[in-house]
Amino acid sequence: MSRPAKTYITPEEYLTLERQAEFKSEYYDGEIFAMTGASHKHNLITVNIGAELRNQLKGRACEVYQSDMRVHVPATGLYTYPNVVVVCGEPQLEDEHFDTLLNPTLIVEVLSKSTARYDRTGKFSDYRSIPSFAEYLLVVQSEYRVEQSAKQSDGRWLLTDFRSLEDVVRLDSIQCSLSLKEIYDKVSLTQP
């Protein structure tokens, strides 16, 4: 028995649906993917990072967004909602709705079992096609671990792994730093 043909959704149709929806969905290659809710740890980590970056960036020409700012990757057609996004300089937005960012500087994803592989591979590959994108943080919920990928002057990406609460992640793209103590503040690794 053959499978029914998938209905291709255009980016315009996706944006129309998304702007009316009660829940968030991502879009890629004509398909819409519903996003699931985040865990307690996931939310704490996201808030910790966003708040700390916001404090460090006060008075500077950078903006911090958490989870509800959609990012579009024009080269691949991906529309997605990173956990934390920082843009330095004037935000470039896709249209008059001002809800889709085109020029992120730093993107942070808090990994879950269902998204870890995609966040490390396919999504990272897509993000790298954005000219302004310079730094990527992947934060693990089940252990003290942050993976930083930083774009080098020759265009290569350098991966650095942090695994101690004493470690400090230097974010050169936005001239900030995050300690793992700050990232994991009030996060219990023993709870699911």
N, C-alpha and C. Protein backbone atom coordinates (compact mmCIF):
# COMPACT_ATOMS: atom_id res chain seq x y z
N MET A 1 0.84 -1.17 0.00
CA MET A 1 0.00 0.00 0.00
C MET A 1 0.89 1.24 0.00
N SER A 2 0.57 2.19 -0.82
CA SER A 2 1.38 3.40 -0.89
C SER A 2 0.92 4.43 0.13
N ARG A 3 1.86 5.28 0.50
CA ARG A 3 1.55 6.35 1.44
C ARG A 3 0.90 7.51 0.70
N PRO A 4 0.01 8.20 1.36
CA PRO A 4 -0.58 9.37 0.71
C PRO A 4 0.50 10.44 0.51
N ALA A 5 0.38 11.17 -0.57
CA ALA A 5 1.34 12.23 -0.86
C ALA A 5 1.22 13.33 0.19
N LYS A 6 2.37 13.85 0.60
CA LYS A 6 2.38 14.95 1.57
C LYS A 6 1.93 16.22 0.87
N THR A 7 1.21 17.03 1.58
CA THR A 7 0.80 18.33 1.06
C THR A 7 1.91 19.32 1.35
N TYR A 8 2.42 19.96 0.31
CA TYR A 8 3.47 20.95 0.47
C TYR A 8 2.85 22.25 0.97
N ILE A 9 3.40 22.79 2.04
CA ILE A 9 2.96 24.06 2.61
C ILE A 9 4.00 25.11 2.22
N THR A 10 3.58 26.21 1.64
CA THR A 10 4.52 27.26 1.28
C THR A 10 4.94 28.02 2.55
N PRO A 11 6.08 28.71 2.49
CA PRO A 11 6.47 29.52 3.65
C PRO A 11 5.40 30.56 4.02
N GLU A 12 4.78 31.14 3.02
CA GLU A 12 3.74 32.14 3.28
C GLU A 12 2.55 31.51 4.01
N GLU A 13 2.15 30.31 3.58
CA GLU A 13 1.05 29.60 4.25
C GLU A 13 1.42 29.27 5.69
N TYR A 14 2.66 28.81 5.88
CA TYR A 14 3.14 28.51 7.23
C TYR A 14 3.04 29.74 8.13
N LEU A 15 3.57 30.87 7.66
CA LEU A 15 3.56 32.08 8.49
C LEU A 15 2.15 32.53 8.82
N THR A 16 1.25 32.43 7.87
CA THR A 16 -0.15 32.78 8.13
C THR A 16 -0.74 31.88 9.21
N LEU A 17 -0.53 30.59 9.08
CA LEU A 17 -1.03 29.64 10.08
C LEU A 17 -0.36 29.85 11.44
N GLU A 18 0.95 30.04 11.41
CA GLU A 18 1.71 30.18 12.65
C GLU A 18 1.29 31.41 13.45
N ARG A 19 1.03 32.48 12.76
CA ARG A 19 0.65 33.72 13.44
C ARG A 19 -0.74 33.65 14.06
N GLN A 20 -1.52 32.67 13.67
CA GLN A 20 -2.86 32.49 14.24
C GLN A 20 -2.91 31.33 15.23
N ALA A 21 -1.87 30.54 15.27
CA ALA A 21 -1.87 29.31 16.08
C ALA A 21 -1.73 29.62 17.57
N GLU A 22 -2.23 28.70 18.38
CA GLU A 22 -2.10 28.82 19.84
C GLU A 22 -0.83 28.15 20.35
N PHE A 23 -0.13 27.42 19.49
CA PHE A 23 1.12 26.76 19.85
C PHE A 23 2.12 26.99 18.73
N LYS A 24 3.40 26.83 19.06
CA LYS A 24 4.47 27.08 18.10
C LYS A 24 4.78 25.84 17.27
N SER A 25 5.15 26.10 16.01
CA SER A 25 5.59 25.03 15.11
C SER A 25 6.79 25.54 14.33
N GLU A 26 7.65 24.61 13.95
CA GLU A 26 8.76 24.94 13.08
C GLU A 26 8.39 24.54 11.66
N TYR A 27 9.14 25.08 10.70
CA TYR A 27 8.85 24.82 9.29
C TYR A 27 10.14 24.48 8.57
N TYR A 28 10.07 23.44 7.74
CA TYR A 28 11.23 23.09 6.92
C TYR A 28 10.76 22.31 5.70
N ASP A 29 11.20 22.75 4.54
CA ASP A 29 10.99 22.02 3.29
C ASP A 29 9.52 21.66 3.06
N GLY A 30 8.64 22.62 3.29
CA GLY A 30 7.23 22.40 3.00
C GLY A 30 6.44 21.69 4.07
N GLU A 31 7.08 21.36 5.20
CA GLU A 31 6.40 20.65 6.28
C GLU A 31 6.41 21.48 7.55
N ILE A 32 5.36 21.31 8.34
CA ILE A 32 5.23 21.97 9.64
C ILE A 32 5.42 20.93 10.73
N PHE A 33 6.24 21.27 11.72
CA PHE A 33 6.55 20.36 12.82
C PHE A 33 6.15 21.03 14.14
N ALA A 34 5.17 20.44 14.82
CA ALA A 34 4.71 20.99 16.10
C ALA A 34 5.81 20.87 17.14
N MET A 35 5.94 21.89 17.96
CA MET A 35 6.92 21.88 19.04
C MET A 35 6.24 21.42 20.32
N THR A 36 6.98 20.65 21.11
CA THR A 36 6.44 20.17 22.37
C THR A 36 6.84 21.11 23.50
N GLY A 37 6.19 20.98 24.63
CA GLY A 37 6.51 21.80 25.79
C GLY A 37 7.87 21.45 26.35
N ALA A 38 8.45 22.38 27.09
CA ALA A 38 9.78 22.19 27.65
C ALA A 38 9.68 21.74 29.11
N SER A 39 10.71 21.04 29.57
CA SER A 39 10.77 20.55 30.94
C SER A 39 11.09 21.69 31.92
N HIS A 40 10.93 21.40 33.20
CA HIS A 40 11.27 22.35 34.26
C HIS A 40 12.74 22.77 34.14
N LYS A 41 13.64 21.80 34.00
CA LYS A 41 15.07 22.11 33.88
C LYS A 41 15.34 22.96 32.64
N HIS A 42 14.72 22.58 31.53
CA HIS A 42 14.89 23.30 30.27
C HIS A 42 14.51 24.77 30.46
N ASN A 43 13.38 25.02 31.09
CA ASN A 43 12.93 26.40 31.31
C ASN A 43 13.86 27.17 32.24
N LEU A 44 14.32 26.54 33.33
CA LEU A 44 15.25 27.21 34.24
C LEU A 44 16.53 27.60 33.52
N ILE A 45 17.09 26.67 32.76
CA ILE A 45 18.33 26.94 32.04
C ILE A 45 18.14 28.09 31.05
N THR A 46 17.05 28.05 30.30
CA THR A 46 16.77 29.10 29.32
C THR A 46 16.65 30.47 29.99
N VAL A 47 15.91 30.54 31.08
CA VAL A 47 15.75 31.81 31.80
C VAL A 47 17.08 32.27 32.39
N ASN A 48 17.85 31.36 32.97
CA ASN A 48 19.15 31.72 33.53
C ASN A 48 20.05 32.36 32.48
N ILE A 49 20.13 31.74 31.32
CA ILE A 49 21.00 32.26 30.25
C ILE A 49 20.48 33.60 29.74
N GLY A 50 19.19 33.66 29.44
CA GLY A 50 18.62 34.91 28.92
C GLY A 50 18.78 36.07 29.88
N ALA A 51 18.52 35.83 31.16
CA ALA A 51 18.62 36.90 32.16
C ALA A 51 20.06 37.37 32.33
N GLU A 52 20.99 36.42 32.38
CA GLU A 52 22.40 36.79 32.56
C GLU A 52 22.91 37.58 31.36
N LEU A 53 22.57 37.14 30.16
CA LEU A 53 23.01 37.86 28.97
C LEU A 53 22.36 39.25 28.91
N ARG A 54 21.11 39.33 29.25
CA ARG A 54 20.42 40.64 29.26
C ARG A 54 21.11 41.59 30.22
N ASN A 55 21.49 41.11 31.40
CA ASN A 55 22.20 41.97 32.36
C ASN A 55 23.53 42.45 31.81
N GLN A 56 24.28 41.55 31.18
CA GLN A 56 25.59 41.92 30.66
C GLN A 56 25.51 42.83 29.44
N LEU A 57 24.41 42.78 28.71
CA LEU A 57 24.28 43.55 27.47
C LEU A 57 23.55 44.88 27.65
N LYS A 58 23.19 45.22 28.88
CA LYS A 58 22.50 46.50 29.12
C LYS A 58 23.36 47.65 28.60
N GLY A 59 22.70 48.57 27.91
CA GLY A 59 23.40 49.75 27.41
C GLY A 59 24.18 49.50 26.13
N ARG A 60 24.15 48.30 25.62
CA ARG A 60 24.86 47.98 24.38
C ARG A 60 23.86 47.73 23.26
N ALA A 61 24.32 47.80 22.03
CA ALA A 61 23.45 47.66 20.86
C ALA A 61 23.19 46.19 20.54
N CYS A 62 22.77 45.44 21.54
CA CYS A 62 22.45 44.02 21.36
C CYS A 62 21.11 43.75 22.03
N GLU A 63 20.36 42.80 21.48
CA GLU A 63 19.07 42.41 22.05
C GLU A 63 19.07 40.92 22.31
N VAL A 64 18.41 40.53 23.41
CA VAL A 64 18.29 39.12 23.80
C VAL A 64 16.83 38.71 23.66
N TYR A 65 16.60 37.58 22.99
CA TYR A 65 15.25 37.04 22.83
C TYR A 65 15.22 35.62 23.38
N GLN A 66 14.12 35.25 23.98
CA GLN A 66 13.95 33.90 24.50
C GLN A 66 12.76 33.21 23.84
N SER A 67 12.99 32.09 23.24
CA SER A 67 12.01 31.10 22.78
C SER A 67 10.89 31.57 21.86
N ASP A 68 10.42 32.79 21.96
CA ASP A 68 9.30 33.21 21.12
C ASP A 68 9.72 34.00 19.88
N MET A 69 11.01 34.28 19.71
CA MET A 69 11.46 34.97 18.51
C MET A 69 11.84 33.93 17.46
N ARG A 70 11.08 33.91 16.41
CA ARG A 70 11.34 32.97 15.32
C ARG A 70 12.56 33.44 14.54
N VAL A 71 13.38 32.51 14.09
CA VAL A 71 14.52 32.80 13.23
C VAL A 71 14.29 32.11 11.89
N HIS A 72 14.55 32.86 10.82
CA HIS A 72 14.43 32.29 9.48
C HIS A 72 15.83 32.14 8.90
N VAL A 73 16.08 30.99 8.29
CA VAL A 73 17.33 30.71 7.60
C VAL A 73 17.01 30.72 6.10
N PRO A 74 17.20 31.86 5.42
CA PRO A 74 16.80 31.96 4.02
C PRO A 74 17.44 30.91 3.10
N ALA A 75 18.69 30.56 3.34
CA ALA A 75 19.39 29.63 2.45
C ALA A 75 18.76 28.24 2.44
N THR A 76 18.14 27.84 3.54
CA THR A 76 17.56 26.49 3.62
C THR A 76 16.05 26.50 3.78
N GLY A 77 15.47 27.65 4.07
CA GLY A 77 14.03 27.75 4.25
C GLY A 77 13.54 27.42 5.65
N LEU A 78 14.44 27.11 6.56
CA LEU A 78 14.06 26.75 7.93
C LEU A 78 13.49 27.96 8.68
N TYR A 79 12.39 27.72 9.38
CA TYR A 79 11.85 28.66 10.37
C TYR A 79 11.87 27.91 11.69
N THR A 80 12.50 28.50 12.70
CA THR A 80 12.67 27.80 13.97
C THR A 80 12.65 28.78 15.14
N TYR A 81 12.50 28.24 16.33
CA TYR A 81 12.45 29.04 17.55
C TYR A 81 13.59 28.61 18.48
N PRO A 82 14.77 29.21 18.37
CA PRO A 82 15.84 28.87 19.30
C PRO A 82 15.46 29.24 20.73
N ASN A 83 16.11 28.60 21.70
CA ASN A 83 15.79 28.88 23.10
C ASN A 83 16.21 30.28 23.52
N VAL A 84 17.39 30.71 23.09
CA VAL A 84 17.87 32.07 23.33
C VAL A 84 18.58 32.54 22.07
N VAL A 85 18.33 33.79 21.70
CA VAL A 85 18.99 34.39 20.53
C VAL A 85 19.48 35.76 20.94
N VAL A 86 20.69 36.10 20.51
CA VAL A 86 21.20 37.46 20.68
C VAL A 86 21.52 38.01 19.30
N VAL A 87 21.10 39.23 19.07
CA VAL A 87 21.47 39.94 17.85
C VAL A 87 22.16 41.23 18.27
N CYS A 88 23.33 41.47 17.69
CA CYS A 88 24.05 42.71 17.96
C CYS A 88 23.97 43.58 16.71
N GLY A 89 23.73 44.85 16.91
CA GLY A 89 23.45 45.74 15.79
C GLY A 89 21.95 45.78 15.56
N GLU A 90 21.56 46.35 14.46
CA GLU A 90 20.14 46.50 14.14
C GLU A 90 19.52 45.16 13.78
N PRO A 91 18.46 44.74 14.47
CA PRO A 91 17.80 43.49 14.10
C PRO A 91 17.19 43.60 12.70
N GLN A 92 17.45 42.60 11.88
CA GLN A 92 16.83 42.52 10.55
C GLN A 92 15.66 41.56 10.67
N LEU A 93 14.47 42.09 10.40
CA LEU A 93 13.26 41.29 10.54
C LEU A 93 12.65 41.05 9.16
N GLU A 94 12.02 39.90 9.01
CA GLU A 94 11.58 39.46 7.69
C GLU A 94 10.49 40.32 7.07
N ASP A 95 9.55 40.80 7.87
CA ASP A 95 8.44 41.55 7.29
C ASP A 95 7.86 42.51 8.33
N GLU A 96 6.72 43.08 8.01
CA GLU A 96 6.09 44.08 8.87
C GLU A 96 5.51 43.52 10.16
N HIS A 97 5.54 42.22 10.33
CA HIS A 97 5.03 41.62 11.57
C HIS A 97 6.07 41.64 12.69
N PHE A 98 7.33 41.87 12.34
CA PHE A 98 8.42 42.01 13.31
C PHE A 98 8.54 40.81 14.25
N ASP A 99 8.30 39.61 13.73
CA ASP A 99 8.35 38.41 14.58
C ASP A 99 9.30 37.34 14.05
N THR A 100 10.07 37.68 13.02
CA THR A 100 10.98 36.70 12.42
C THR A 100 12.33 37.35 12.17
N LEU A 101 13.33 36.92 12.92
CA LEU A 101 14.67 37.49 12.88
C LEU A 101 15.51 36.83 11.79
N LEU A 102 16.31 37.64 11.10
CA LEU A 102 17.15 37.12 10.02
C LEU A 102 18.65 37.16 10.34
N ASN A 103 19.06 37.91 11.36
CA ASN A 103 20.49 38.11 11.59
C ASN A 103 20.96 37.83 13.03
N PRO A 104 20.75 36.61 13.51
CA PRO A 104 21.25 36.29 14.86
C PRO A 104 22.77 36.30 14.91
N THR A 105 23.31 36.72 16.05
CA THR A 105 24.75 36.66 16.29
C THR A 105 25.09 35.39 17.08
N LEU A 106 24.34 35.16 18.16
CA LEU A 106 24.51 34.01 19.04
C LEU A 106 23.19 33.27 19.14
N ILE A 107 23.25 31.94 19.06
CA ILE A 107 22.06 31.11 19.25
C ILE A 107 22.38 30.08 20.33
N VAL A 108 21.42 29.91 21.26
CA VAL A 108 21.55 28.91 22.32
C VAL A 108 20.40 27.92 22.20
N GLU A 109 20.73 26.64 22.22
CA GLU A 109 19.72 25.58 22.25
C GLU A 109 19.96 24.74 23.50
N VAL A 110 18.92 24.52 24.27
CA VAL A 110 18.97 23.61 25.41
C VAL A 110 18.54 22.25 24.90
N LEU A 111 19.42 21.28 25.01
CA LEU A 111 19.18 19.98 24.39
C LEU A 111 18.18 19.14 25.17
N SER A 112 17.37 18.42 24.43
CA SER A 112 16.50 17.40 25.01
C SER A 112 16.79 16.10 24.26
N LYS A 113 16.33 14.98 24.79
CA LYS A 113 16.59 13.70 24.14
C LYS A 113 16.07 13.69 22.71
N SER A 114 14.92 14.31 22.50
CA SER A 114 14.30 14.26 21.18
C SER A 114 14.92 15.22 20.17
N THR A 115 15.65 16.25 20.63
CA THR A 115 16.19 17.23 19.69
C THR A 115 17.71 17.27 19.61
N ALA A 116 18.41 16.60 20.51
CA ALA A 116 19.87 16.74 20.61
C ALA A 116 20.59 16.47 19.29
N ARG A 117 20.26 15.38 18.66
CA ARG A 117 20.96 15.03 17.41
C ARG A 117 20.72 16.08 16.34
N TYR A 118 19.48 16.48 16.17
CA TYR A 118 19.13 17.49 15.16
C TYR A 118 19.78 18.83 15.48
N ASP A 119 19.76 19.25 16.76
CA ASP A 119 20.37 20.52 17.14
C ASP A 119 21.87 20.53 16.85
N ARG A 120 22.53 19.39 17.04
CA ARG A 120 23.98 19.30 16.82
C ARG A 120 24.35 19.21 15.34
N THR A 121 23.47 18.69 14.52
CA THR A 121 23.84 18.42 13.12
C THR A 121 23.06 19.29 12.14
N GLY A 122 21.85 18.87 11.79
CA GLY A 122 21.08 19.55 10.76
C GLY A 122 20.81 21.01 11.05
N LYS A 123 20.37 21.30 12.25
CA LYS A 123 20.05 22.69 12.60
C LYS A 123 21.32 23.54 12.62
N PHE A 124 22.39 23.01 13.17
CA PHE A 124 23.65 23.75 13.20
C PHE A 124 24.14 24.02 11.78
N SER A 125 24.01 23.05 10.90
CA SER A 125 24.39 23.24 9.50
C SER A 125 23.57 24.36 8.87
N ASP A 126 22.28 24.37 9.12
CA ASP A 126 21.42 25.43 8.60
C ASP A 126 21.84 26.79 9.16
N TYR A 127 22.02 26.88 10.45
CA TYR A 127 22.40 28.15 11.08
C TYR A 127 23.69 28.71 10.50
N ARG A 128 24.64 27.83 10.19
CA ARG A 128 25.94 28.30 9.68
C ARG A 128 25.82 29.02 8.34
N SER A 129 24.71 28.88 7.64
CA SER A 129 24.54 29.59 6.37
C SER A 129 24.12 31.05 6.59
N ILE A 130 23.83 31.44 7.81
CA ILE A 130 23.46 32.83 8.12
C ILE A 130 24.75 33.63 8.31
N PRO A 131 25.00 34.65 7.48
CA PRO A 131 26.27 35.39 7.57
C PRO A 131 26.57 36.00 8.94
N SER A 132 25.57 36.48 9.65
CA SER A 132 25.80 37.13 10.95
C SER A 132 26.05 36.15 12.09
N PHE A 133 25.70 34.89 11.89
CA PHE A 133 25.78 33.87 12.94
C PHE A 133 27.24 33.57 13.27
N ALA A 134 27.62 33.76 14.55
CA ALA A 134 29.02 33.63 14.92
C ALA A 134 29.28 32.68 16.08
N GLU A 135 28.24 32.33 16.85
CA GLU A 135 28.48 31.49 18.02
C GLU A 135 27.23 30.68 18.35
N TYR A 136 27.47 29.43 18.78
CA TYR A 136 26.39 28.48 19.04
C TYR A 136 26.68 27.78 20.35
N LEU A 137 25.72 27.83 21.27
CA LEU A 137 25.85 27.11 22.54
C LEU A 137 24.81 26.02 22.60
N LEU A 138 25.25 24.82 22.93
CA LEU A 138 24.35 23.71 23.18
C LEU A 138 24.50 23.35 24.65
N VAL A 139 23.39 23.37 25.38
CA VAL A 139 23.41 23.16 26.82
C VAL A 139 22.68 21.86 27.13
N VAL A 140 23.36 20.97 27.83
CA VAL A 140 22.82 19.65 28.18
C VAL A 140 22.05 19.77 29.50
N GLN A 141 20.89 19.13 29.57
CA GLN A 141 20.07 19.18 30.79
C GLN A 141 20.44 18.10 31.81
N SER A 142 20.95 16.98 31.35
CA SER A 142 21.16 15.82 32.22
C SER A 142 22.51 15.80 32.92
N GLU A 143 23.39 16.71 32.55
CA GLU A 143 24.71 16.81 33.18
C GLU A 143 25.20 18.24 33.00
N TYR A 144 26.23 18.61 33.77
CA TYR A 144 26.82 19.93 33.62
C TYR A 144 27.71 19.88 32.39
N ARG A 145 27.17 20.38 31.28
CA ARG A 145 27.92 20.32 30.03
C ARG A 145 27.38 21.36 29.05
N VAL A 146 28.30 22.17 28.53
CA VAL A 146 27.98 23.16 27.51
C VAL A 146 28.96 22.97 26.36
N GLU A 147 28.43 22.89 25.15
CA GLU A 147 29.25 22.79 23.95
C GLU A 147 29.17 24.12 23.22
N GLN A 148 30.33 24.74 23.04
CA GLN A 148 30.39 26.03 22.36
C GLN A 148 31.05 25.85 21.00
N SER A 149 30.38 26.32 19.96
CA SER A 149 30.97 26.36 18.62
C SER A 149 31.11 27.83 18.25
N ALA A 150 32.34 28.24 17.95
CA ALA A 150 32.62 29.65 17.64
C ALA A 150 33.26 29.76 16.26
N LYS A 151 32.71 30.65 15.46
CA LYS A 151 33.23 30.87 14.11
C LYS A 151 34.57 31.60 14.21
N GLN A 152 35.56 31.08 13.52
CA GLN A 152 36.89 31.67 13.54
C GLN A 152 37.05 32.63 12.37
N SER A 153 38.11 33.43 12.38
CA SER A 153 38.31 34.44 11.34
C SER A 153 38.46 33.83 9.95
N ASP A 154 38.90 32.57 9.88
CA ASP A 154 39.05 31.91 8.57
C ASP A 154 37.79 31.17 8.14
N GLY A 155 36.70 31.31 8.92
CA GLY A 155 35.43 30.69 8.57
C GLY A 155 35.22 29.31 9.17
N ARG A 156 36.28 28.71 9.73
CA ARG A 156 36.12 27.41 10.39
C ARG A 156 35.44 27.61 11.74
N TRP A 157 34.89 26.51 12.27
CA TRP A 157 34.21 26.55 13.57
C TRP A 157 35.02 25.76 14.58
N LEU A 158 35.22 26.36 15.76
CA LEU A 158 35.98 25.72 16.84
C LEU A 158 35.01 25.26 17.92
N LEU A 159 35.07 23.97 18.25
CA LEU A 159 34.22 23.39 19.30
C LEU A 159 35.00 23.32 20.60
N THR A 160 34.41 23.84 21.67
CA THR A 160 34.98 23.75 23.01
C THR A 160 33.92 23.17 23.93
N ASP A 161 34.32 22.20 24.74
CA ASP A 161 33.41 21.48 25.63
C ASP A 161 33.69 21.91 27.08
N PHE A 162 32.65 22.30 27.81
CA PHE A 162 32.78 22.72 29.21
C PHE A 162 31.98 21.75 30.06
N ARG A 163 32.63 21.21 31.14
CA ARG A 163 31.98 20.17 31.94
C ARG A 163 32.08 20.38 33.45
N SER A 164 32.55 21.52 33.87
CA SER A 164 32.69 21.78 35.30
C SER A 164 31.91 23.04 35.67
N LEU A 165 31.31 23.03 36.86
CA LEU A 165 30.61 24.23 37.32
C LEU A 165 31.55 25.41 37.49
N GLU A 166 32.85 25.15 37.56
CA GLU A 166 33.84 26.22 37.68
C GLU A 166 34.18 26.83 36.33
N ASP A 167 33.79 26.20 35.24
CA ASP A 167 34.11 26.69 33.90
C ASP A 167 33.34 27.97 33.57
N VAL A 168 33.98 28.81 32.77
CA VAL A 168 33.35 30.04 32.27
C VAL A 168 33.44 30.02 30.75
N VAL A 169 32.30 30.19 30.10
CA VAL A 169 32.23 30.21 28.64
C VAL A 169 32.36 31.66 28.19
N ARG A 170 33.41 31.96 27.45
CA ARG A 170 33.62 33.31 26.93
C ARG A 170 32.94 33.41 25.57
N LEU A 171 32.03 34.36 25.46
CA LEU A 171 31.27 34.55 24.23
C LEU A 171 31.83 35.77 23.50
N ASP A 172 32.87 35.53 22.71
CA ASP A 172 33.56 36.63 22.05
C ASP A 172 32.68 37.38 21.07
N SER A 173 31.72 36.70 20.45
CA SER A 173 30.87 37.35 19.45
C SER A 173 30.03 38.48 20.03
N ILE A 174 29.73 38.40 21.33
CA ILE A 174 28.92 39.44 21.98
C ILE A 174 29.63 40.04 23.19
N GLN A 175 30.89 39.68 23.39
CA GLN A 175 31.72 40.19 24.48
C GLN A 175 31.05 40.02 25.84
N CYS A 176 30.64 38.79 26.10
CA CYS A 176 30.04 38.41 27.38
C CYS A 176 30.67 37.10 27.84
N SER A 177 30.30 36.68 29.02
CA SER A 177 30.72 35.37 29.50
C SER A 177 29.61 34.78 30.37
N LEU A 178 29.56 33.46 30.40
CA LEU A 178 28.58 32.74 31.22
C LEU A 178 29.32 31.66 31.99
N SER A 179 29.16 31.64 33.29
CA SER A 179 29.73 30.53 34.05
C SER A 179 28.71 29.40 34.07
N LEU A 180 29.18 28.19 34.18
CA LEU A 180 28.25 27.07 34.28
C LEU A 180 27.43 27.17 35.57
N LYS A 181 28.00 27.80 36.61
CA LYS A 181 27.23 28.03 37.84
C LYS A 181 25.99 28.88 37.54
N GLU A 182 26.15 29.91 36.70
CA GLU A 182 25.02 30.77 36.34
C GLU A 182 24.02 30.02 35.47
N ILE A 183 24.54 29.28 34.51
CA ILE A 183 23.67 28.54 33.59
C ILE A 183 22.81 27.53 34.33
N TYR A 184 23.41 26.82 35.29
CA TYR A 184 22.71 25.74 36.00
C TYR A 184 22.19 26.16 37.38
N ASP A 185 22.09 27.47 37.63
CA ASP A 185 21.58 27.95 38.92
C ASP A 185 20.18 27.39 39.18
N LYS A 186 19.99 26.77 40.34
CA LYS A 186 18.71 26.18 40.79
C LYS A 186 18.26 24.98 39.96
N VAL A 187 19.16 24.44 39.14
CA VAL A 187 18.82 23.26 38.32
C VAL A 187 19.31 22.01 39.05
N SER A 188 18.41 21.09 39.33
CA SER A 188 18.76 19.83 39.98
C SER A 188 18.90 18.75 38.92
N LEU A 189 20.09 18.18 38.82
CA LEU A 189 20.31 17.12 37.83
C LEU A 189 19.65 15.81 38.25
N THR A 190 19.28 15.69 39.52
CA THR A 190 18.68 14.43 39.99
C THR A 190 17.19 14.35 39.67
N GLN A 191 16.58 15.47 39.33
CA GLN A 191 15.16 15.45 38.95
C GLN A 191 15.03 15.24 37.45
N PRO A 192 13.98 14.54 37.03
CA PRO A 192 13.81 14.31 35.58
C PRO A 192 13.52 15.59 34.82
